[in-house]
Amino acid sequence: DTESIDAAKLSRFIEINSLHLVTEYNPVTVVGLFNSMIQIHLLLIM
């Protein structure tokens, strides 16, 4: 995958999996959130 990667695919790989101490919910980050091994999620709705 690395050998044939393009900018769009690498950008999406980083966007999806960039979880921080606090991650903002959106249709991109939600994929990484559900792929995490951590099974308890806390949402601050504000």
PDB file of all heavy atoms in Angstrom:
ATOM      1  N   ASP A   1       0.835  -1.204   0.000  1.00  0.00           N
ATOM      2  CA  ASP A   1       0.000   0.000   0.000  1.00  0.00           C
ATOM      3  C   ASP A   1       0.869   1.253   0.000  1.00  0.00           C
ATOM      4  O   ASP A   1       0.543   2.260  -0.638  1.00  0.00           O
ATOM      5  CB  ASP A   1      -0.921   0.007   1.217  1.00  0.00           C
ATOM      6  CG  ASP A   1      -1.965  -1.089   1.151  1.00  0.00           C
ATOM      7  OD1 ASP A   1      -2.321  -1.501   0.028  1.00  0.00           O
ATOM      8  OD2 ASP A   1      -2.428  -1.542   2.209  1.00  0.00           O
ATOM      9  N   THR A   2       1.979   1.197   0.730  1.00  0.00           N
ATOM     10  CA  THR A   2       2.889   2.343   0.780  1.00  0.00           C
ATOM     11  C   THR A   2       3.518   2.592  -0.579  1.00  0.00           C
ATOM     12  O   THR A   2       3.674   3.741  -1.023  1.00  0.00           O
ATOM     13  CB  THR A   2       3.988   2.104   1.833  1.00  0.00           C
ATOM     14  OG1 THR A   2       3.378   1.942   3.126  1.00  0.00           O
ATOM     15  CG2 THR A   2       4.956   3.278   1.888  1.00  0.00           C
ATOM     16  N   GLU A   3       3.890   1.524  -1.251  1.00  0.00           N
ATOM     17  CA  GLU A   3       4.542   1.656  -2.563  1.00  0.00           C
ATOM     18  C   GLU A   3       3.638   2.356  -3.573  1.00  0.00           C
ATOM     19  O   GLU A   3       4.098   3.113  -4.418  1.00  0.00           O
ATOM     20  CB  GLU A   3       4.922   0.266  -3.102  1.00  0.00           C
ATOM     21  CG  GLU A   3       5.908  -0.498  -2.227  1.00  0.00           C
ATOM     22  CD  GLU A   3       7.345  -0.052  -2.411  1.00  0.00           C
ATOM     23  OE1 GLU A   3       7.599   0.712  -3.354  1.00  0.00           O
ATOM     24  OE2 GLU A   3       8.194  -0.468  -1.610  1.00  0.00           O
ATOM     25  N   SER A   4       2.314   2.111  -3.470  1.00  0.00           N
ATOM     26  CA  SER A   4       1.379   2.648  -4.470  1.00  0.00           C
ATOM     27  C   SER A   4       0.501   3.769  -3.915  1.00  0.00           C
ATOM     28  O   SER A   4      -0.497   4.128  -4.524  1.00  0.00           O
ATOM     29  CB  SER A   4       0.482   1.521  -4.995  1.00  0.00           C
ATOM     30  OG  SER A   4      -0.266   0.948  -3.922  1.00  0.00           O
ATOM     31  N   ILE A   5       0.877   4.321  -2.769  1.00  0.00           N
ATOM     32  CA  ILE A   5       0.042   5.316  -2.099  1.00  0.00           C
ATOM     33  C   ILE A   5      -0.030   6.602  -2.914  1.00  0.00           C
ATOM     34  O   ILE A   5       0.926   6.965  -3.615  1.00  0.00           O
ATOM     35  CB  ILE A   5       0.604   5.628  -0.683  1.00  0.00           C
ATOM     36  CG1 ILE A   5      -0.445   6.310   0.193  1.00  0.00           C
ATOM     37  CG2 ILE A   5       1.857   6.477  -0.761  1.00  0.00           C
ATOM     38  CD1 ILE A   5      -1.518   5.413   0.675  1.00  0.00           C
ATOM     39  N   ASP A   6      -1.185   7.265  -2.854  1.00  0.00           N
ATOM     40  CA  ASP A   6      -1.296   8.603  -3.427  1.00  0.00           C
ATOM     41  C   ASP A   6      -1.679   9.561  -2.301  1.00  0.00           C
ATOM     42  O   ASP A   6      -1.961   9.142  -1.176  1.00  0.00           O
ATOM     43  CB  ASP A   6      -2.287   8.658  -4.588  1.00  0.00           C
ATOM     44  CG  ASP A   6      -3.702   8.249  -4.186  1.00  0.00           C
ATOM     45  OD1 ASP A   6      -4.093   8.456  -3.017  1.00  0.00           O
ATOM     46  OD2 ASP A   6      -4.432   7.724  -5.050  1.00  0.00           O
ATOM     47  N   ALA A   7      -1.678  10.850  -2.595  1.00  0.00           N
ATOM     48  CA  ALA A   7      -1.901  11.859  -1.563  1.00  0.00           C
ATOM     49  C   ALA A   7      -3.272  11.717  -0.910  1.00  0.00           C
ATOM     50  O   ALA A   7      -3.412  11.868   0.300  1.00  0.00           O
ATOM     51  CB  ALA A   7      -1.730  13.259  -2.157  1.00  0.00           C
ATOM     52  N   ALA A   8      -4.288  11.405  -1.705  1.00  0.00           N
ATOM     53  CA  ALA A   8      -5.640  11.304  -1.164  1.00  0.00           C
ATOM     54  C   ALA A   8      -5.753  10.141  -0.180  1.00  0.00           C
ATOM     55  O   ALA A   8      -6.353  10.271   0.891  1.00  0.00           O
ATOM     56  CB  ALA A   8      -6.644  11.130  -2.309  1.00  0.00           C
ATOM     57  N   LYS A   9      -5.170   8.987  -0.522  1.00  0.00           N
ATOM     58  CA  LYS A   9      -5.245   7.817   0.353  1.00  0.00           C
ATOM     59  C   LYS A   9      -4.450   8.025   1.637  1.00  0.00           C
ATOM     60  O   LYS A   9      -4.894   7.655   2.729  1.00  0.00           O
ATOM     61  CB  LYS A   9      -4.736   6.578  -0.389  1.00  0.00           C
ATOM     62  CG  LYS A   9      -5.649   6.114  -1.515  1.00  0.00           C
ATOM     63  CD  LYS A   9      -5.076   4.890  -2.215  1.00  0.00           C
ATOM     64  CE  LYS A   9      -5.981   4.430  -3.345  1.00  0.00           C
ATOM     65  NZ  LYS A   9      -5.403   3.266  -4.078  1.00  0.00           N
ATOM     66  N   LEU A  10      -3.265   8.618   1.529  1.00  0.00           N
ATOM     67  CA  LEU A  10      -2.455   8.854   2.728  1.00  0.00           C
ATOM     68  C   LEU A  10      -3.117   9.889   3.625  1.00  0.00           C
ATOM     69  O   LEU A  10      -3.137   9.748   4.853  1.00  0.00           O
ATOM     70  CB  LEU A  10      -1.044   9.312   2.345  1.00  0.00           C
ATOM     71  CG  LEU A  10      -0.089   9.566   3.515  1.00  0.00           C
ATOM     72  CD1 LEU A  10      -0.012   8.357   4.437  1.00  0.00           C
ATOM     73  CD2 LEU A  10       1.300   9.945   3.001  1.00  0.00           C
ATOM     74  N   SER A  11      -3.691  10.919   3.019  1.00  0.00           N
ATOM     75  CA  SER A  11      -4.388  11.941   3.788  1.00  0.00           C
ATOM     76  C   SER A  11      -5.558  11.344   4.555  1.00  0.00           C
ATOM     77  O   SER A  11      -5.762  11.633   5.740  1.00  0.00           O
ATOM     78  CB  SER A  11      -4.887  13.050   2.855  1.00  0.00           C
ATOM     79  OG  SER A  11      -5.615  14.028   3.572  1.00  0.00           O
ATOM     80  N   ARG A  12      -6.304  10.459   3.900  1.00  0.00           N
ATOM     81  CA  ARG A  12      -7.454   9.843   4.563  1.00  0.00           C
ATOM     82  C   ARG A  12      -6.995   8.898   5.678  1.00  0.00           C
ATOM     83  O   ARG A  12      -7.626   8.819   6.726  1.00  0.00           O
ATOM     84  CB  ARG A  12      -8.318   9.094   3.546  1.00  0.00           C
ATOM     85  CG  ARG A  12      -9.614   8.548   4.151  1.00  0.00           C
ATOM     86  CD  ARG A  12     -10.638   8.211   3.108  1.00  0.00           C
ATOM     87  NE  ARG A  12     -11.877   7.696   3.709  1.00  0.00           N
ATOM     88  CZ  ARG A  12     -12.829   8.460   4.223  1.00  0.00           C
ATOM     89  NH1 ARG A  12     -12.690   9.775   4.202  1.00  0.00           N
ATOM     90  NH2 ARG A  12     -13.911   7.918   4.746  1.00  0.00           N
ATOM     91  N   PHE A  13      -5.909   8.178   5.456  1.00  0.00           N
ATOM     92  CA  PHE A  13      -5.355   7.294   6.494  1.00  0.00           C
ATOM     93  C   PHE A  13      -5.024   8.097   7.753  1.00  0.00           C
ATOM     94  O   PHE A  13      -5.318   7.677   8.872  1.00  0.00           O
ATOM     95  CB  PHE A  13      -4.100   6.604   5.954  1.00  0.00           C
ATOM     96  CG  PHE A  13      -3.319   5.847   6.993  1.00  0.00           C
ATOM     97  CD1 PHE A  13      -3.780   4.629   7.489  1.00  0.00           C
ATOM     98  CD2 PHE A  13      -2.111   6.342   7.469  1.00  0.00           C
ATOM     99  CE1 PHE A  13      -3.050   3.920   8.453  1.00  0.00           C
ATOM    100  CE2 PHE A  13      -1.374   5.652   8.423  1.00  0.00           C
ATOM    101  CZ  PHE A  13      -1.852   4.431   8.915  1.00  0.00           C
ATOM    102  N   ILE A  14      -4.433   9.264   7.565  1.00  0.00           N
ATOM    103  CA  ILE A  14      -4.058  10.098   8.713  1.00  0.00           C
ATOM    104  C   ILE A  14      -5.296  10.711   9.359  1.00  0.00           C
ATOM    105  O   ILE A  14      -5.432  10.718  10.593  1.00  0.00           O
ATOM    106  CB  ILE A  14      -3.066  11.197   8.271  1.00  0.00           C
ATOM    107  CG1 ILE A  14      -1.761  10.557   7.775  1.00  0.00           C
ATOM    108  CG2 ILE A  14      -2.776  12.155   9.424  1.00  0.00           C
ATOM    109  CD1 ILE A  14      -0.801  11.543   7.140  1.00  0.00           C
ATOM    110  N   GLU A  15      -6.214  11.227   8.549  1.00  0.00           N
ATOM    111  CA  GLU A  15      -7.425  11.857   9.082  1.00  0.00           C
ATOM    112  C   GLU A  15      -8.251  10.872   9.899  1.00  0.00           C
ATOM    113  O   GLU A  15      -8.713  11.191  11.003  1.00  0.00           O
ATOM    114  CB  GLU A  15      -8.275  12.411   7.935  1.00  0.00           C
ATOM    115  CG  GLU A  15      -7.728  13.673   7.307  1.00  0.00           C
ATOM    116  CD  GLU A  15      -8.565  14.143   6.125  1.00  0.00           C
ATOM    117  OE1 GLU A  15      -9.386  13.360   5.621  1.00  0.00           O
ATOM    118  OE2 GLU A  15      -8.378  15.293   5.698  1.00  0.00           O
ATOM    119  N   ILE A  16      -8.430   9.680   9.371  1.00  0.00           N
ATOM    120  CA  ILE A  16      -9.270   8.687  10.048  1.00  0.00           C
ATOM    121  C   ILE A  16      -8.666   8.249  11.372  1.00  0.00           C
ATOM    122  O   ILE A  16      -9.377   8.085  12.372  1.00  0.00           O
ATOM    123  CB  ILE A  16      -9.482   7.465   9.124  1.00  0.00           C
ATOM    124  CG1 ILE A  16     -10.446   7.813   7.988  1.00  0.00           C
ATOM    125  CG2 ILE A  16     -10.025   6.268   9.914  1.00  0.00           C
ATOM    126  CD1 ILE A  16     -10.609   6.713   6.968  1.00  0.00           C
ATOM    127  N   ASN A  17      -7.360   8.079  11.406  1.00  0.00           N
ATOM    128  CA  ASN A  17      -6.714   7.463  12.567  1.00  0.00           C
ATOM    129  C   ASN A  17      -6.087   8.438  13.544  1.00  0.00           C
ATOM    130  O   ASN A  17      -5.527   8.006  14.561  1.00  0.00           O
ATOM    131  CB  ASN A  17      -5.659   6.463  12.082  1.00  0.00           C
ATOM    132  CG  ASN A  17      -6.268   5.311  11.314  1.00  0.00           C
ATOM    133  OD1 ASN A  17      -7.065   4.545  11.852  1.00  0.00           O
ATOM    134  ND2 ASN A  17      -5.925   5.186  10.032  1.00  0.00           N
ATOM    135  N   SER A  18      -6.193   9.737  13.277  1.00  0.00           N
ATOM    136  CA  SER A  18      -5.599  10.731  14.179  1.00  0.00           C
ATOM    137  C   SER A  18      -6.509  11.000  15.372  1.00  0.00           C
ATOM    138  O   SER A  18      -7.263  11.980  15.397  1.00  0.00           O
ATOM    139  CB  SER A  18      -5.310  12.036  13.417  1.00  0.00           C
ATOM    140  OG  SER A  18      -4.280  11.851  12.489  1.00  0.00           O
ATOM    141  N   LEU A  19      -6.442  10.123  16.357  1.00  0.00           N
ATOM    142  CA  LEU A  19      -7.198  10.318  17.589  1.00  0.00           C
ATOM    143  C   LEU A  19      -6.313  11.019  18.610  1.00  0.00           C
ATOM    144  O   LEU A  19      -5.173  10.625  18.836  1.00  0.00           O
ATOM    145  CB  LEU A  19      -7.673   8.969  18.153  1.00  0.00           C
ATOM    146  CG  LEU A  19      -8.506   8.093  17.217  1.00  0.00           C
ATOM    147  CD1 LEU A  19      -9.000   6.862  17.972  1.00  0.00           C
ATOM    148  CD2 LEU A  19      -9.677   8.861  16.635  1.00  0.00           C
ATOM    149  N   HIS A  20      -6.871  12.050  19.239  1.00  0.00           N
ATOM    150  CA  HIS A  20      -6.133  12.825  20.230  1.00  0.00           C
ATOM    151  C   HIS A  20      -6.700  12.553  21.624  1.00  0.00           C
ATOM    152  O   HIS A  20      -7.630  11.758  21.788  1.00  0.00           O
ATOM    153  CB  HIS A  20      -6.211  14.311  19.886  1.00  0.00           C
ATOM    154  CG  HIS A  20      -5.559  14.652  18.574  1.00  0.00           C
ATOM    155  ND1 HIS A  20      -4.277  15.141  18.487  1.00  0.00           N
ATOM    156  CD2 HIS A  20      -6.001  14.549  17.298  1.00  0.00           C
ATOM    157  CE1 HIS A  20      -3.960  15.337  17.221  1.00  0.00           C
ATOM    158  NE2 HIS A  20      -4.994  14.987  16.470  1.00  0.00           N
ATOM    159  N   LEU A  21      -6.128  13.199  22.629  1.00  0.00           N
ATOM    160  CA  LEU A  21      -6.685  13.058  23.973  1.00  0.00           C
ATOM    161  C   LEU A  21      -8.154  13.442  23.964  1.00  0.00           C
ATOM    162  O   LEU A  21      -8.972  12.838  24.653  1.00  0.00           O
ATOM    163  CB  LEU A  21      -5.896  13.921  24.968  1.00  0.00           C
ATOM    164  CG  LEU A  21      -4.520  13.381  25.360  1.00  0.00           C
ATOM    165  CD1 LEU A  21      -3.786  14.386  26.233  1.00  0.00           C
ATOM    166  CD2 LEU A  21      -4.625  12.040  26.070  1.00  0.00           C
ATOM    167  N   VAL A  22      -8.494  14.469  23.178  1.00  0.00           N
ATOM    168  CA  VAL A  22      -9.890  14.812  22.901  1.00  0.00           C
ATOM    169  C   VAL A  22     -10.028  14.909  21.387  1.00  0.00           C
ATOM    170  O   VAL A  22      -9.367  15.722  20.741  1.00  0.00           O
ATOM    171  CB  VAL A  22     -10.306  16.147  23.560  1.00  0.00           C
ATOM    172  CG1 VAL A  22     -11.729  16.519  23.127  1.00  0.00           C
ATOM    173  CG2 VAL A  22     -10.225  16.047  25.077  1.00  0.00           C
ATOM    174  N   THR A  23     -10.877  14.066  20.816  1.00  0.00           N
ATOM    175  CA  THR A  23     -11.073  14.020  19.375  1.00  0.00           C
ATOM    176  C   THR A  23     -12.444  14.577  19.031  1.00  0.00           C
ATOM    177  O   THR A  23     -13.446  14.175  19.628  1.00  0.00           O
ATOM    178  CB  THR A  23     -10.978  12.572  18.853  1.00  0.00           C
ATOM    179  OG1 THR A  23      -9.686  12.044  19.189  1.00  0.00           O
ATOM    180  CG2 THR A  23     -11.181  12.514  17.349  1.00  0.00           C
ATOM    181  N   GLU A  24     -12.486  15.508  18.083  1.00  0.00           N
ATOM    182  CA  GLU A  24     -13.783  16.051  17.686  1.00  0.00           C
ATOM    183  C   GLU A  24     -14.497  15.085  16.753  1.00  0.00           C
ATOM    184  O   GLU A  24     -13.926  14.570  15.801  1.00  0.00           O
ATOM    185  CB  GLU A  24     -13.640  17.407  17.004  1.00  0.00           C
ATOM    186  CG  GLU A  24     -14.992  18.025  16.664  1.00  0.00           C
ATOM    187  CD  GLU A  24     -14.918  19.507  16.339  1.00  0.00           C
ATOM    188  OE1 GLU A  24     -13.821  20.089  16.429  1.00  0.00           O
ATOM    189  OE2 GLU A  24     -15.971  20.084  15.988  1.00  0.00           O
ATOM    190  N   TYR A  25     -15.768  14.846  17.055  1.00  0.00           N
ATOM    191  CA  TYR A  25     -16.595  13.918  16.280  1.00  0.00           C
ATOM    192  C   TYR A  25     -16.948  14.529  14.934  1.00  0.00           C
ATOM    193  O   TYR A  25     -17.425  15.653  14.843  1.00  0.00           O
ATOM    194  CB  TYR A  25     -17.879  13.609  17.059  1.00  0.00           C
ATOM    195  CG  TYR A  25     -18.905  12.788  16.315  1.00  0.00           C
ATOM    196  CD1 TYR A  25     -18.935  11.399  16.418  1.00  0.00           C
ATOM    197  CD2 TYR A  25     -19.858  13.397  15.498  1.00  0.00           C
ATOM    198  CE1 TYR A  25     -19.883  10.645  15.738  1.00  0.00           C
ATOM    199  CE2 TYR A  25     -20.803  12.645  14.806  1.00  0.00           C
ATOM    200  CZ  TYR A  25     -20.807  11.267  14.940  1.00  0.00           C
ATOM    201  OH  TYR A  25     -21.738  10.537  14.263  1.00  0.00           O
ATOM    202  N   ASN A  26     -16.708  13.778  13.855  1.00  0.00           N
ATOM    203  CA  ASN A  26     -17.208  14.118  12.529  1.00  0.00           C
ATOM    204  C   ASN A  26     -17.206  12.841  11.702  1.00  0.00           C
ATOM    205  O   ASN A  26     -16.699  11.801  12.157  1.00  0.00           O
ATOM    206  CB  ASN A  26     -16.384  15.253  11.873  1.00  0.00           C
ATOM    207  CG  ASN A  26     -14.941  14.875  11.650  1.00  0.00           C
ATOM    208  OD1 ASN A  26     -14.632  13.856  11.043  1.00  0.00           O
ATOM    209  ND2 ASN A  26     -14.021  15.710  12.154  1.00  0.00           N
ATOM    210  N   PRO A  27     -17.777  12.840  10.508  1.00  0.00           N
ATOM    211  CA  PRO A  27     -17.880  11.606   9.728  1.00  0.00           C
ATOM    212  C   PRO A  27     -16.546  10.974   9.362  1.00  0.00           C
ATOM    213  O   PRO A  27     -16.512   9.818   8.948  1.00  0.00           O
ATOM    214  CB  PRO A  27     -18.635  12.058   8.475  1.00  0.00           C
ATOM    215  CG  PRO A  27     -19.433  13.232   8.915  1.00  0.00           C
ATOM    216  CD  PRO A  27     -18.547  13.944   9.898  1.00  0.00           C
ATOM    217  N   VAL A  28     -15.438  11.704   9.492  1.00  0.00           N
ATOM    218  CA  VAL A  28     -14.128  11.126   9.212  1.00  0.00           C
ATOM    219  C   VAL A  28     -13.550  10.470  10.465  1.00  0.00           C
ATOM    220  O   VAL A  28     -13.161   9.300  10.453  1.00  0.00           O
ATOM    221  CB  VAL A  28     -13.155  12.198   8.663  1.00  0.00           C
ATOM    222  CG1 VAL A  28     -11.754  11.623   8.515  1.00  0.00           C
ATOM    223  CG2 VAL A  28     -13.644  12.715   7.316  1.00  0.00           C
ATOM    224  N   THR A  29     -13.498  11.212  11.570  1.00  0.00           N
ATOM    225  CA  THR A  29     -12.867  10.687  12.783  1.00  0.00           C
ATOM    226  C   THR A  29     -13.651   9.536  13.406  1.00  0.00           C
ATOM    227  O   THR A  29     -13.086   8.731  14.146  1.00  0.00           O
ATOM    228  CB  THR A  29     -12.692  11.792  13.835  1.00  0.00           C
ATOM    229  OG1 THR A  29     -13.978  12.355  14.160  1.00  0.00           O
ATOM    230  CG2 THR A  29     -11.784  12.890  13.322  1.00  0.00           C
ATOM    231  N   VAL A  30     -14.949   9.442  13.112  1.00  0.00           N
ATOM    232  CA  VAL A  30     -15.748   8.377  13.715  1.00  0.00           C
ATOM    233  C   VAL A  30     -15.239   6.998  13.297  1.00  0.00           C
ATOM    234  O   VAL A  30     -15.339   6.031  14.056  1.00  0.00           O
ATOM    235  CB  VAL A  30     -17.244   8.536  13.364  1.00  0.00           C
ATOM    236  CG1 VAL A  30     -17.513   8.190  11.919  1.00  0.00           C
ATOM    237  CG2 VAL A  30     -18.110   7.680  14.274  1.00  0.00           C
ATOM    238  N   VAL A  31     -14.627   6.894  12.122  1.00  0.00           N
ATOM    239  CA  VAL A  31     -14.083   5.612  11.675  1.00  0.00           C
ATOM    240  C   VAL A  31     -12.940   5.185  12.591  1.00  0.00           C
ATOM    241  O   VAL A  31     -12.878   4.048  13.067  1.00  0.00           O
ATOM    242  CB  VAL A  31     -13.600   5.693  10.219  1.00  0.00           C
ATOM    243  CG1 VAL A  31     -13.072   4.340   9.759  1.00  0.00           C
ATOM    244  CG2 VAL A  31     -14.719   6.162   9.309  1.00  0.00           C
ATOM    245  N   GLY A  32     -12.018   6.109  12.863  1.00  0.00           N
ATOM    246  CA  GLY A  32     -10.906   5.804  13.756  1.00  0.00           C
ATOM    247  C   GLY A  32     -11.365   5.514  15.164  1.00  0.00           C
ATOM    248  O   GLY A  32     -10.804   4.654  15.860  1.00  0.00           O
ATOM    249  N   LEU A  33     -12.411   6.212  15.617  1.00  0.00           N
ATOM    250  CA  LEU A  33     -12.930   5.980  16.966  1.00  0.00           C
ATOM    251  C   LEU A  33     -13.425   4.548  17.116  1.00  0.00           C
ATOM    252  O   LEU A  33     -13.177   3.899  18.137  1.00  0.00           O
ATOM    253  CB  LEU A  33     -14.058   6.973  17.265  1.00  0.00           C
ATOM    254  CG  LEU A  33     -13.641   8.439  17.417  1.00  0.00           C
ATOM    255  CD1 LEU A  33     -14.854   9.350  17.439  1.00  0.00           C
ATOM    256  CD2 LEU A  33     -12.823   8.628  18.697  1.00  0.00           C
ATOM    257  N   PHE A  34     -14.120   4.049  16.104  1.00  0.00           N
ATOM    258  CA  PHE A  34     -14.651   2.696  16.194  1.00  0.00           C
ATOM    259  C   PHE A  34     -13.602   1.633  15.928  1.00  0.00           C
ATOM    260  O   PHE A  34     -13.798   0.470  16.276  1.00  0.00           O
ATOM    261  CB  PHE A  34     -15.844   2.529  15.245  1.00  0.00           C
ATOM    262  CG  PHE A  34     -17.112   3.039  15.836  1.00  0.00           C
ATOM    263  CD1 PHE A  34     -17.584   4.294  15.513  1.00  0.00           C
ATOM    264  CD2 PHE A  34     -17.825   2.284  16.751  1.00  0.00           C
ATOM    265  CE1 PHE A  34     -18.755   4.787  16.085  1.00  0.00           C
ATOM    266  CE2 PHE A  34     -18.988   2.754  17.316  1.00  0.00           C
ATOM    267  CZ  PHE A  34     -19.455   4.014  16.986  1.00  0.00           C
ATOM    268  N   ASN A  35     -12.489   2.018  15.338  1.00  0.00           N
ATOM    269  CA  ASN A  35     -11.404   1.065  15.127  1.00  0.00           C
ATOM    270  C   ASN A  35     -10.477   0.969  16.324  1.00  0.00           C
ATOM    271  O   ASN A  35      -9.618   0.088  16.375  1.00  0.00           O
ATOM    272  CB  ASN A  35     -10.586   1.452  13.884  1.00  0.00           C
ATOM    273  CG  ASN A  35     -11.318   1.134  12.598  1.00  0.00           C
ATOM    274  OD1 ASN A  35     -12.196   0.278  12.577  1.00  0.00           O
ATOM    275  ND2 ASN A  35     -10.970   1.833  11.526  1.00  0.00           N
ATOM    276  N   SER A  36     -10.625   1.867  17.285  1.00  0.00           N
ATOM    277  CA  SER A  36      -9.769   1.845  18.469  1.00  0.00           C
ATOM    278  C   SER A  36     -10.101   0.646  19.345  1.00  0.00           C
ATOM    279  O   SER A  36     -11.238   0.178  19.413  1.00  0.00           O
ATOM    280  CB  SER A  36      -9.945   3.135  19.270  1.00  0.00           C
ATOM    281  OG  SER A  36      -9.250   3.053  20.517  1.00  0.00           O
ATOM    282  N   MET A  37      -9.082   0.142  20.049  1.00  0.00           N
ATOM    283  CA  MET A  37      -9.281  -0.971  20.965  1.00  0.00           C
ATOM    284  C   MET A  37      -9.999  -0.527  22.243  1.00  0.00           C
ATOM    285  O   MET A  37     -10.493  -1.354  22.998  1.00  0.00           O
ATOM    286  CB  MET A  37      -7.930  -1.598  21.329  1.00  0.00           C
ATOM    287  CG  MET A  37      -7.210  -2.229  20.149  1.00  0.00           C
ATOM    288  SD  MET A  37      -8.150  -3.592  19.408  1.00  0.00           S
ATOM    289  CE  MET A  37      -8.062  -4.795  20.737  1.00  0.00           C
ATOM    290  N   ILE A  38     -10.035   0.772  22.500  1.00  0.00           N
ATOM    291  CA  ILE A  38     -10.716   1.286  23.695  1.00  0.00           C
ATOM    292  C   ILE A  38     -12.220   1.247  23.459  1.00  0.00           C
ATOM    293  O   ILE A  38     -12.725   1.822  22.501  1.00  0.00           O
ATOM    294  CB  ILE A  38     -10.256   2.719  24.018  1.00  0.00           C
ATOM    295  CG1 ILE A  38      -8.757   2.731  24.320  1.00  0.00           C
ATOM    296  CG2 ILE A  38     -11.034   3.286  25.206  1.00  0.00           C
ATOM    297  CD1 ILE A  38      -8.196   4.101  24.625  1.00  0.00           C
ATOM    298  N   GLN A  39     -12.937   0.584  24.355  1.00  0.00           N
ATOM    299  CA  GLN A  39     -14.353   0.302  24.123  1.00  0.00           C
ATOM    300  C   GLN A  39     -15.302   1.238  24.856  1.00  0.00           C
ATOM    301  O   GLN A  39     -16.521   1.144  24.686  1.00  0.00           O
ATOM    302  CB  GLN A  39     -14.642  -1.152  24.516  1.00  0.00           C
ATOM    303  CG  GLN A  39     -13.884  -2.156  23.662  1.00  0.00           C
ATOM    304  CD  GLN A  39     -14.061  -3.583  24.144  1.00  0.00           C
ATOM    305  OE1 GLN A  39     -14.333  -3.820  25.310  1.00  0.00           O
ATOM    306  NE2 GLN A  39     -13.918  -4.535  23.240  1.00  0.00           N
ATOM    307  N   ILE A  40     -14.768   2.131  25.681  1.00  0.00           N
ATOM    308  CA  ILE A  40     -15.621   3.096  26.373  1.00  0.00           C
ATOM    309  C   ILE A  40     -15.340   4.487  25.801  1.00  0.00           C
ATOM    310  O   ILE A  40     -14.190   4.936  25.770  1.00  0.00           O
ATOM    311  CB  ILE A  40     -15.385   3.092  27.897  1.00  0.00           C
ATOM    312  CG1 ILE A  40     -15.684   1.709  28.474  1.00  0.00           C
ATOM    313  CG2 ILE A  40     -16.258   4.136  28.584  1.00  0.00           C
ATOM    314  CD1 ILE A  40     -15.434   1.598  29.967  1.00  0.00           C
ATOM    315  N   HIS A  41     -16.388   5.146  25.346  1.00  0.00           N
ATOM    316  CA  HIS A  41     -16.262   6.469  24.744  1.00  0.00           C
ATOM    317  C   HIS A  41     -17.067   7.480  25.561  1.00  0.00           C
ATOM    318  O   HIS A  41     -18.224   7.227  25.890  1.00  0.00           O
ATOM    319  CB  HIS A  41     -16.786   6.462  23.304  1.00  0.00           C
ATOM    320  CG  HIS A  41     -16.045   5.536  22.394  1.00  0.00           C
ATOM    321  ND1 HIS A  41     -16.359   5.407  21.054  1.00  0.00           N
ATOM    322  CD2 HIS A  41     -15.009   4.691  22.616  1.00  0.00           C
ATOM    323  CE1 HIS A  41     -15.548   4.529  20.500  1.00  0.00           C
ATOM    324  NE2 HIS A  41     -14.724   4.072  21.434  1.00  0.00           N
ATOM    325  N   LEU A  42     -16.445   8.608  25.859  1.00  0.00           N
ATOM    326  CA  LEU A  42     -17.126   9.694  26.568  1.00  0.00           C
ATOM    327  C   LEU A  42     -17.283  10.870  25.623  1.00  0.00           C
ATOM    328  O   LEU A  42     -16.316  11.312  25.008  1.00  0.00           O
ATOM    329  CB  LEU A  42     -16.325  10.126  27.805  1.00  0.00           C
ATOM    330  CG  LEU A  42     -16.927  11.278  28.607  1.00  0.00           C
ATOM    331  CD1 LEU A  42     -18.182  10.825  29.348  1.00  0.00           C
ATOM    332  CD2 LEU A  42     -15.913  11.859  29.593  1.00  0.00           C
ATOM    333  N   LEU A  43     -18.513  11.375  25.497  1.00  0.00           N
ATOM    334  CA  LEU A  43     -18.789  12.498  24.622  1.00  0.00           C
ATOM    335  C   LEU A  43     -19.142  13.735  25.444  1.00  0.00           C
ATOM    336  O   LEU A  43     -20.009  13.665  26.314  1.00  0.00           O
ATOM    337  CB  LEU A  43     -19.960  12.188  23.680  1.00  0.00           C
ATOM    338  CG  LEU A  43     -19.758  11.176  22.552  1.00  0.00           C
ATOM    339  CD1 LEU A  43     -19.624   9.757  23.092  1.00  0.00           C
ATOM    340  CD2 LEU A  43     -20.928  11.241  21.572  1.00  0.00           C
ATOM    341  N   LEU A  44     -18.470  14.827  25.166  1.00  0.00           N
ATOM    342  CA  LEU A  44     -18.900  16.129  25.672  1.00  0.00           C
ATOM    343  C   LEU A  44     -19.680  16.783  24.546  1.00  0.00           C
ATOM    344  O   LEU A  44     -19.130  17.090  23.487  1.00  0.00           O
ATOM    345  CB  LEU A  44     -17.706  17.002  26.072  1.00  0.00           C
ATOM    346  CG  LEU A  44     -18.039  18.467  26.397  1.00  0.00           C
ATOM    347  CD1 LEU A  44     -19.010  18.574  27.568  1.00  0.00           C
ATOM    348  CD2 LEU A  44     -16.766  19.263  26.664  1.00  0.00           C
ATOM    349  N   ILE A  45     -20.978  16.963  24.767  1.00  0.00           N
ATOM    350  CA  ILE A  45     -21.841  17.568  23.756  1.00  0.00           C
ATOM    351  C   ILE A  45     -22.046  19.024  24.131  1.00  0.00           C
ATOM    352  O   ILE A  45     -22.703  19.343  25.122  1.00  0.00           O
ATOM    353  CB  ILE A  45     -23.183  16.819  23.675  1.00  0.00           C
ATOM    354  CG1 ILE A  45     -22.938  15.318  23.423  1.00  0.00           C
ATOM    355  CG2 ILE A  45     -24.057  17.398  22.575  1.00  0.00           C
ATOM    356  CD1 ILE A  45     -24.176  14.461  23.493  1.00  0.00           C
ATOM    357  N   MET A  46     -21.464  19.915  23.348  1.00  0.00           N
ATOM    358  CA  MET A  46     -21.425  21.334  23.706  1.00  0.00           C
ATOM    359  C   MET A  46     -21.266  22.186  22.461  1.00  0.00           C
ATOM    360  O   MET A  46     -20.622  21.785  21.489  1.00  0.00           O
ATOM    361  CB  MET A  46     -20.260  21.586  24.675  1.00  0.00           C
ATOM    362  CG  MET A  46     -20.162  22.984  25.211  1.00  0.00           C
ATOM    363  SD  MET A  46     -18.806  23.134  26.416  1.00  0.00           S
ATOM    364  CE  MET A  46     -19.237  24.719  27.170  1.00  0.00           C
TER     365      MET A  46
END
